[in-house]
PDB file of all heavy atoms in Angstrom:
ATOM      1  N   PHE A   1       0.284  31.510  -0.151  1.00  0.00           N
ATOM      2  CA  PHE A   1      -0.885  31.209  -0.962  1.00  0.00           C
ATOM      3  C   PHE A   1      -0.473  30.815  -2.354  1.00  0.00           C
ATOM      4  O   PHE A   1       0.451  31.438  -2.955  1.00  0.00           O
ATOM      5  CB  PHE A   1      -1.821  32.403  -1.038  1.00  0.00           C
ATOM      6  CG  PHE A   1      -2.728  32.569   0.187  1.00  0.00           C
ATOM      7  CD1 PHE A   1      -2.344  33.413   1.213  1.00  0.00           C
ATOM      8  CD2 PHE A   1      -3.896  31.840   0.284  1.00  0.00           C
ATOM      9  CE1 PHE A   1      -3.124  33.519   2.329  1.00  0.00           C
ATOM     10  CE2 PHE A   1      -4.716  31.974   1.398  1.00  0.00           C
ATOM     11  CZ  PHE A   1      -4.327  32.813   2.452  1.00  0.00           C
ATOM     12  N   LYS A   2      -1.232  29.859  -2.974  1.00  0.00           N
ATOM     13  CA  LYS A   2      -1.038  29.512  -4.398  1.00  0.00           C
ATOM     14  C   LYS A   2      -2.385  29.183  -4.967  1.00  0.00           C
ATOM     15  O   LYS A   2      -3.318  28.816  -4.197  1.00  0.00           O
ATOM     16  CB  LYS A   2      -0.151  28.263  -4.546  1.00  0.00           C
ATOM     17  CG  LYS A   2       1.294  28.561  -4.173  1.00  0.00           C
ATOM     18  CD  LYS A   2       2.169  28.200  -5.362  1.00  0.00           C
ATOM     19  CE  LYS A   2       3.592  28.567  -5.017  1.00  0.00           C
ATOM     20  NZ  LYS A   2       4.542  28.093  -5.895  1.00  0.00           N
ATOM     21  N   GLU A   3      -2.518  29.227  -6.282  1.00  0.00           N
ATOM     22  CA  GLU A   3      -3.737  28.820  -6.939  1.00  0.00           C
ATOM     23  C   GLU A   3      -3.362  27.728  -7.929  1.00  0.00           C
ATOM     24  O   GLU A   3      -2.495  27.999  -8.800  1.00  0.00           O
ATOM     25  CB  GLU A   3      -4.396  29.994  -7.625  1.00  0.00           C
ATOM     26  CG  GLU A   3      -5.713  29.635  -8.344  1.00  0.00           C
ATOM     27  CD  GLU A   3      -6.251  30.772  -9.184  1.00  0.00           C
ATOM     28  OE1 GLU A   3      -6.200  31.925  -8.740  1.00  0.00           O
ATOM     29  OE2 GLU A   3      -6.783  30.468 -10.276  1.00  0.00           O
ATOM     30  N   TYR A   4      -4.029  26.630  -7.895  1.00  0.00           N
ATOM     31  CA  TYR A   4      -3.689  25.539  -8.836  1.00  0.00           C
ATOM     32  C   TYR A   4      -3.776  25.954 -10.300  1.00  0.00           C
ATOM     33  O   TYR A   4      -2.858  25.768 -11.074  1.00  0.00           O
ATOM     34  CB  TYR A   4      -4.634  24.349  -8.576  1.00  0.00           C
ATOM     35  CG  TYR A   4      -4.271  23.155  -9.454  1.00  0.00           C
ATOM     36  CD1 TYR A   4      -3.360  22.206  -8.976  1.00  0.00           C
ATOM     37  CD2 TYR A   4      -4.810  22.990 -10.694  1.00  0.00           C
ATOM     38  CE1 TYR A   4      -3.027  21.097  -9.777  1.00  0.00           C
ATOM     39  CE2 TYR A   4      -4.450  21.921 -11.465  1.00  0.00           C
ATOM     40  CZ  TYR A   4      -3.576  20.951 -11.020  1.00  0.00           C
ATOM     41  OH  TYR A   4      -3.206  19.904 -11.806  1.00  0.00           O
ATOM     42  N   HIS A   5      -4.898  26.574 -10.671  1.00  0.00           N
ATOM     43  CA  HIS A   5      -5.120  26.930 -12.053  1.00  0.00           C
ATOM     44  C   HIS A   5      -4.074  27.869 -12.622  1.00  0.00           C
ATOM     45  O   HIS A   5      -3.664  27.752 -13.775  1.00  0.00           O
ATOM     46  CB  HIS A   5      -6.545  27.518 -12.230  1.00  0.00           C
ATOM     47  CG  HIS A   5      -7.018  27.585 -13.632  1.00  0.00           C
ATOM     48  ND1 HIS A   5      -6.985  28.765 -14.349  1.00  0.00           N
ATOM     49  CD2 HIS A   5      -7.524  26.643 -14.478  1.00  0.00           C
ATOM     50  CE1 HIS A   5      -7.415  28.529 -15.539  1.00  0.00           C
ATOM     51  NE2 HIS A   5      -7.794  27.273 -15.650  1.00  0.00           N
ATOM     52  N   LEU A   6      -3.593  28.831 -11.802  1.00  0.00           N
ATOM     53  CA  LEU A   6      -2.585  29.778 -12.259  1.00  0.00           C
ATOM     54  C   LEU A   6      -1.167  29.342 -12.020  1.00  0.00           C
ATOM     55  O   LEU A   6      -0.260  29.633 -12.801  1.00  0.00           O
ATOM     56  CB  LEU A   6      -2.783  31.127 -11.559  1.00  0.00           C
ATOM     57  CG  LEU A   6      -4.020  31.923 -11.908  1.00  0.00           C
ATOM     58  CD1 LEU A   6      -4.109  33.188 -11.083  1.00  0.00           C
ATOM     59  CD2 LEU A   6      -4.034  32.282 -13.427  1.00  0.00           C
ATOM     60  N   ASP A   7      -0.926  28.598 -10.924  1.00  0.00           N
ATOM     61  CA  ASP A   7       0.436  28.283 -10.530  1.00  0.00           C
ATOM     62  C   ASP A   7       0.947  26.902 -10.863  1.00  0.00           C
ATOM     63  O   ASP A   7       2.103  26.589 -10.603  1.00  0.00           O
ATOM     64  CB  ASP A   7       0.587  28.531  -9.000  1.00  0.00           C
ATOM     65  CG  ASP A   7       0.303  29.937  -8.593  1.00  0.00           C
ATOM     66  OD1 ASP A   7       0.704  30.849  -9.368  1.00  0.00           O
ATOM     67  OD2 ASP A   7      -0.311  30.152  -7.530  1.00  0.00           O
ATOM     68  N   VAL A   8       0.087  26.036 -11.379  1.00  0.00           N
ATOM     69  CA  VAL A   8       0.484  24.683 -11.613  1.00  0.00           C
ATOM     70  C   VAL A   8       1.637  24.647 -12.664  1.00  0.00           C
ATOM     71  O   VAL A   8       1.615  25.386 -13.623  1.00  0.00           O
ATOM     72  CB  VAL A   8      -0.698  23.765 -12.110  1.00  0.00           C
ATOM     73  CG1 VAL A   8      -1.195  24.151 -13.468  1.00  0.00           C
ATOM     74  CG2 VAL A   8      -0.337  22.294 -12.063  1.00  0.00           C
ATOM     75  N   GLU A   9       2.637  23.812 -12.365  1.00  0.00           N
ATOM     76  CA  GLU A   9       3.753  23.625 -13.328  1.00  0.00           C
ATOM     77  C   GLU A   9       3.469  22.307 -14.022  1.00  0.00           C
ATOM     78  O   GLU A   9       3.162  21.317 -13.438  1.00  0.00           O
ATOM     79  CB  GLU A   9       5.071  23.586 -12.591  1.00  0.00           C
ATOM     80  CG  GLU A   9       5.459  24.926 -12.012  1.00  0.00           C
ATOM     81  CD  GLU A   9       6.790  24.869 -11.308  1.00  0.00           C
ATOM     82  OE1 GLU A   9       7.601  23.970 -11.544  1.00  0.00           O
ATOM     83  OE2 GLU A   9       6.969  25.727 -10.414  1.00  0.00           O
ATOM     84  N   LEU A  10       3.639  22.361 -15.355  1.00  0.00           N
ATOM     85  CA  LEU A  10       3.360  21.191 -16.164  1.00  0.00           C
ATOM     86  C   LEU A  10       4.623  20.363 -16.356  1.00  0.00           C
ATOM     87  O   LEU A  10       5.683  20.875 -16.510  1.00  0.00           O
ATOM     88  CB  LEU A  10       2.835  21.639 -17.558  1.00  0.00           C
ATOM     89  CG  LEU A  10       1.675  22.620 -17.566  1.00  0.00           C
ATOM     90  CD1 LEU A  10       1.292  22.951 -18.993  1.00  0.00           C
ATOM     91  CD2 LEU A  10       0.485  22.015 -16.852  1.00  0.00           C
ATOM     92  N   GLY A  11       4.412  19.068 -16.342  1.00  0.00           N
ATOM     93  CA  GLY A  11       5.522  18.138 -16.658  1.00  0.00           C
ATOM     94  C   GLY A  11       5.391  17.706 -18.136  1.00  0.00           C
ATOM     95  O   GLY A  11       4.268  17.744 -18.698  1.00  0.00           O
ATOM     96  N   PRO A  12       6.445  17.267 -18.771  1.00  0.00           N
ATOM     97  CA  PRO A  12       6.375  16.797 -20.142  1.00  0.00           C
ATOM     98  C   PRO A  12       5.517  15.540 -20.180  1.00  0.00           C
ATOM     99  O   PRO A  12       5.560  14.696 -19.317  1.00  0.00           O
ATOM    100  CB  PRO A  12       7.816  16.603 -20.536  1.00  0.00           C
ATOM    101  CG  PRO A  12       8.583  16.501 -19.321  1.00  0.00           C
ATOM    102  CD  PRO A  12       7.817  17.235 -18.230  1.00  0.00           C
ATOM    103  N   PRO A  13       4.799  15.340 -21.332  1.00  0.00           N
ATOM    104  CA  PRO A  13       4.006  14.155 -21.430  1.00  0.00           C
ATOM    105  C   PRO A  13       4.864  12.959 -21.807  1.00  0.00           C
ATOM    106  O   PRO A  13       6.032  13.079 -22.179  1.00  0.00           O
ATOM    107  CB  PRO A  13       3.050  14.465 -22.606  1.00  0.00           C
ATOM    108  CG  PRO A  13       3.779  15.501 -23.416  1.00  0.00           C
ATOM    109  CD  PRO A  13       4.658  16.252 -22.440  1.00  0.00           C
ATOM    110  N   VAL A  14       4.280  11.769 -21.686  1.00  0.00           N
ATOM    111  CA  VAL A  14       4.990  10.510 -22.036  1.00  0.00           C
ATOM    112  C   VAL A  14       4.448  10.091 -23.401  1.00  0.00           C
ATOM    113  O   VAL A  14       3.230  10.082 -23.637  1.00  0.00           O
ATOM    114  CB  VAL A  14       4.681   9.416 -21.025  1.00  0.00           C
ATOM    115  CG1 VAL A  14       5.299   8.121 -21.392  1.00  0.00           C
ATOM    116  CG2 VAL A  14       5.176   9.875 -19.647  1.00  0.00           C
ATOM    117  N   LEU A  15       5.357   9.735 -24.308  1.00  0.00           N
ATOM    118  CA  LEU A  15       4.975   9.375 -25.665  1.00  0.00           C
ATOM    119  C   LEU A  15       5.034   7.885 -25.801  1.00  0.00           C
ATOM    120  O   LEU A  15       5.974   7.200 -25.394  1.00  0.00           O
ATOM    121  CB  LEU A  15       5.931   9.987 -26.688  1.00  0.00           C
ATOM    122  CG  LEU A  15       6.003  11.504 -26.753  1.00  0.00           C
ATOM    123  CD1 LEU A  15       7.049  11.888 -27.807  1.00  0.00           C
ATOM    124  CD2 LEU A  15       4.679  12.082 -27.061  1.00  0.00           C
ATOM    125  N   ALA A  16       4.027   7.292 -26.515  1.00  0.00           N
ATOM    126  CA  ALA A  16       4.008   5.909 -26.916  1.00  0.00           C
ATOM    127  C   ALA A  16       3.890   5.925 -28.443  1.00  0.00           C
ATOM    128  O   ALA A  16       2.889   6.473 -28.967  1.00  0.00           O
ATOM    129  CB  ALA A  16       2.875   5.114 -26.290  1.00  0.00           C
ATOM    130  N   VAL A  17       4.844   5.372 -29.126  1.00  0.00           N
ATOM    131  CA  VAL A  17       4.909   5.491 -30.580  1.00  0.00           C
ATOM    132  C   VAL A  17       4.773   4.088 -31.196  1.00  0.00           C
ATOM    133  O   VAL A  17       5.463   3.157 -30.779  1.00  0.00           O
ATOM    134  CB  VAL A  17       6.236   6.100 -31.039  1.00  0.00           C
ATOM    135  CG1 VAL A  17       6.327   6.161 -32.557  1.00  0.00           C
ATOM    136  CG2 VAL A  17       6.422   7.510 -30.411  1.00  0.00           C
ATOM    137  N   ARG A  18       3.864   3.939 -32.150  1.00  0.00           N
ATOM    138  CA  ARG A  18       3.731   2.729 -32.931  1.00  0.00           C
ATOM    139  C   ARG A  18       3.933   3.023 -34.391  1.00  0.00           C
ATOM    140  O   ARG A  18       3.347   3.989 -34.887  1.00  0.00           O
ATOM    141  CB  ARG A  18       2.377   2.074 -32.695  1.00  0.00           C
ATOM    142  CG  ARG A  18       2.232   1.459 -31.357  1.00  0.00           C
ATOM    143  CD  ARG A  18       0.943   0.713 -31.250  1.00  0.00           C
ATOM    144  NE  ARG A  18      -0.121   1.630 -31.477  1.00  0.00           N
ATOM    145  CZ  ARG A  18      -1.430   1.308 -31.487  1.00  0.00           C
ATOM    146  NH1 ARG A  18      -1.810   0.094 -31.327  1.00  0.00           N
ATOM    147  NH2 ARG A  18      -2.345   2.256 -31.712  1.00  0.00           N
ATOM    148  N   ILE A  19       4.789   2.255 -35.013  1.00  0.00           N
ATOM    149  CA  ILE A  19       5.094   2.476 -36.469  1.00  0.00           C
ATOM    150  C   ILE A  19       4.382   1.478 -37.306  1.00  0.00           C
ATOM    151  O   ILE A  19       4.497   0.233 -37.056  1.00  0.00           O
ATOM    152  CB  ILE A  19       6.597   2.419 -36.685  1.00  0.00           C
ATOM    153  CG1 ILE A  19       7.300   3.484 -35.841  1.00  0.00           C
ATOM    154  CG2 ILE A  19       6.941   2.563 -38.162  1.00  0.00           C
ATOM    155  CD1 ILE A  19       8.793   3.363 -35.791  1.00  0.00           C
ATOM    156  N   LYS A  20       3.585   1.935 -38.231  1.00  0.00           N
ATOM    157  CA  LYS A  20       2.860   1.069 -39.200  1.00  0.00           C
ATOM    158  C   LYS A  20       3.535   1.328 -40.559  1.00  0.00           C
ATOM    159  O   LYS A  20       4.460   2.089 -40.701  1.00  0.00           O
ATOM    160  CB  LYS A  20       1.379   1.480 -39.223  1.00  0.00           C
ATOM    161  CG  LYS A  20       0.688   1.329 -37.914  1.00  0.00           C
ATOM    162  CD  LYS A  20       0.582  -0.079 -37.432  1.00  0.00           C
ATOM    163  CE  LYS A  20      -0.193  -0.183 -36.172  1.00  0.00           C
ATOM    164  NZ  LYS A  20      -0.221  -1.491 -35.617  1.00  0.00           N
ATOM    165  N   GLU A  21       3.037   0.640 -41.590  1.00  0.00           N
ATOM    166  CA  GLU A  21       3.682   0.746 -42.894  1.00  0.00           C
ATOM    167  C   GLU A  21       3.649   2.183 -43.491  1.00  0.00           C
ATOM    168  O   GLU A  21       4.623   2.647 -44.039  1.00  0.00           O
ATOM    169  CB  GLU A  21       2.999  -0.192 -43.883  1.00  0.00           C
ATOM    170  CG  GLU A  21       3.432  -1.605 -43.630  1.00  0.00           C
ATOM    171  CD  GLU A  21       2.851  -2.571 -44.680  1.00  0.00           C
ATOM    172  OE1 GLU A  21       2.530  -2.172 -45.781  1.00  0.00           O
ATOM    173  OE2 GLU A  21       2.769  -3.787 -44.338  1.00  0.00           O
ATOM    174  N   THR A  22       2.487   2.864 -43.375  1.00  0.00           N
ATOM    175  CA  THR A  22       2.427   4.170 -43.965  1.00  0.00           C
ATOM    176  C   THR A  22       2.138   5.335 -42.989  1.00  0.00           C
ATOM    177  O   THR A  22       1.904   6.455 -43.399  1.00  0.00           O
ATOM    178  CB  THR A  22       1.289   4.240 -45.064  1.00  0.00           C
ATOM    179  OG1 THR A  22       0.069   3.928 -44.361  1.00  0.00           O
ATOM    180  CG2 THR A  22       1.545   3.250 -46.164  1.00  0.00           C
ATOM    181  N   PHE A  23       2.195   5.007 -41.719  1.00  0.00           N
ATOM    182  CA  PHE A  23       1.968   6.088 -40.712  1.00  0.00           C
ATOM    183  C   PHE A  23       2.612   5.732 -39.376  1.00  0.00           C
ATOM    184  O   PHE A  23       2.948   4.586 -39.086  1.00  0.00           O
ATOM    185  CB  PHE A  23       0.494   6.385 -40.532  1.00  0.00           C
ATOM    186  CG  PHE A  23      -0.365   5.265 -40.005  1.00  0.00           C
ATOM    187  CD1 PHE A  23      -0.538   5.124 -38.635  1.00  0.00           C
ATOM    188  CD2 PHE A  23      -0.948   4.317 -40.883  1.00  0.00           C
ATOM    189  CE1 PHE A  23      -1.277   4.099 -38.154  1.00  0.00           C
ATOM    190  CE2 PHE A  23      -1.704   3.309 -40.365  1.00  0.00           C
ATOM    191  CZ  PHE A  23      -1.895   3.180 -38.979  1.00  0.00           C
ATOM    192  N   ILE A  24       2.765   6.789 -38.567  1.00  0.00           N
ATOM    193  CA  ILE A  24       3.247   6.659 -37.162  1.00  0.00           C
ATOM    194  C   ILE A  24       2.035   7.065 -36.337  1.00  0.00           C
ATOM    195  O   ILE A  24       1.429   8.137 -36.560  1.00  0.00           O
ATOM    196  CB  ILE A  24       4.431   7.541 -36.892  1.00  0.00           C
ATOM    197  CG1 ILE A  24       5.618   7.186 -37.772  1.00  0.00           C
ATOM    198  CG2 ILE A  24       4.812   7.527 -35.394  1.00  0.00           C
ATOM    199  CD1 ILE A  24       6.748   8.187 -37.690  1.00  0.00           C
ATOM    200  N   LEU A  25       1.703   6.256 -35.304  1.00  0.00           N
ATOM    201  CA  LEU A  25       0.625   6.601 -34.385  1.00  0.00           C
ATOM    202  C   LEU A  25       1.264   6.977 -33.086  1.00  0.00           C
ATOM    203  O   LEU A  25       2.047   6.182 -32.489  1.00  0.00           O
ATOM    204  CB  LEU A  25      -0.290   5.422 -34.206  1.00  0.00           C
ATOM    205  CG  LEU A  25      -1.587   5.680 -33.476  1.00  0.00           C
ATOM    206  CD1 LEU A  25      -2.444   6.738 -34.241  1.00  0.00           C
ATOM    207  CD2 LEU A  25      -2.421   4.397 -33.269  1.00  0.00           C
TER     208      LEU A  25
END
């Protein structure tokens, strides 16, 4: 038996980075 809410393992998120003149989004 397993429960999704308690037993789910998280994977790392994927980052999308945009560089502007005075900030990083």
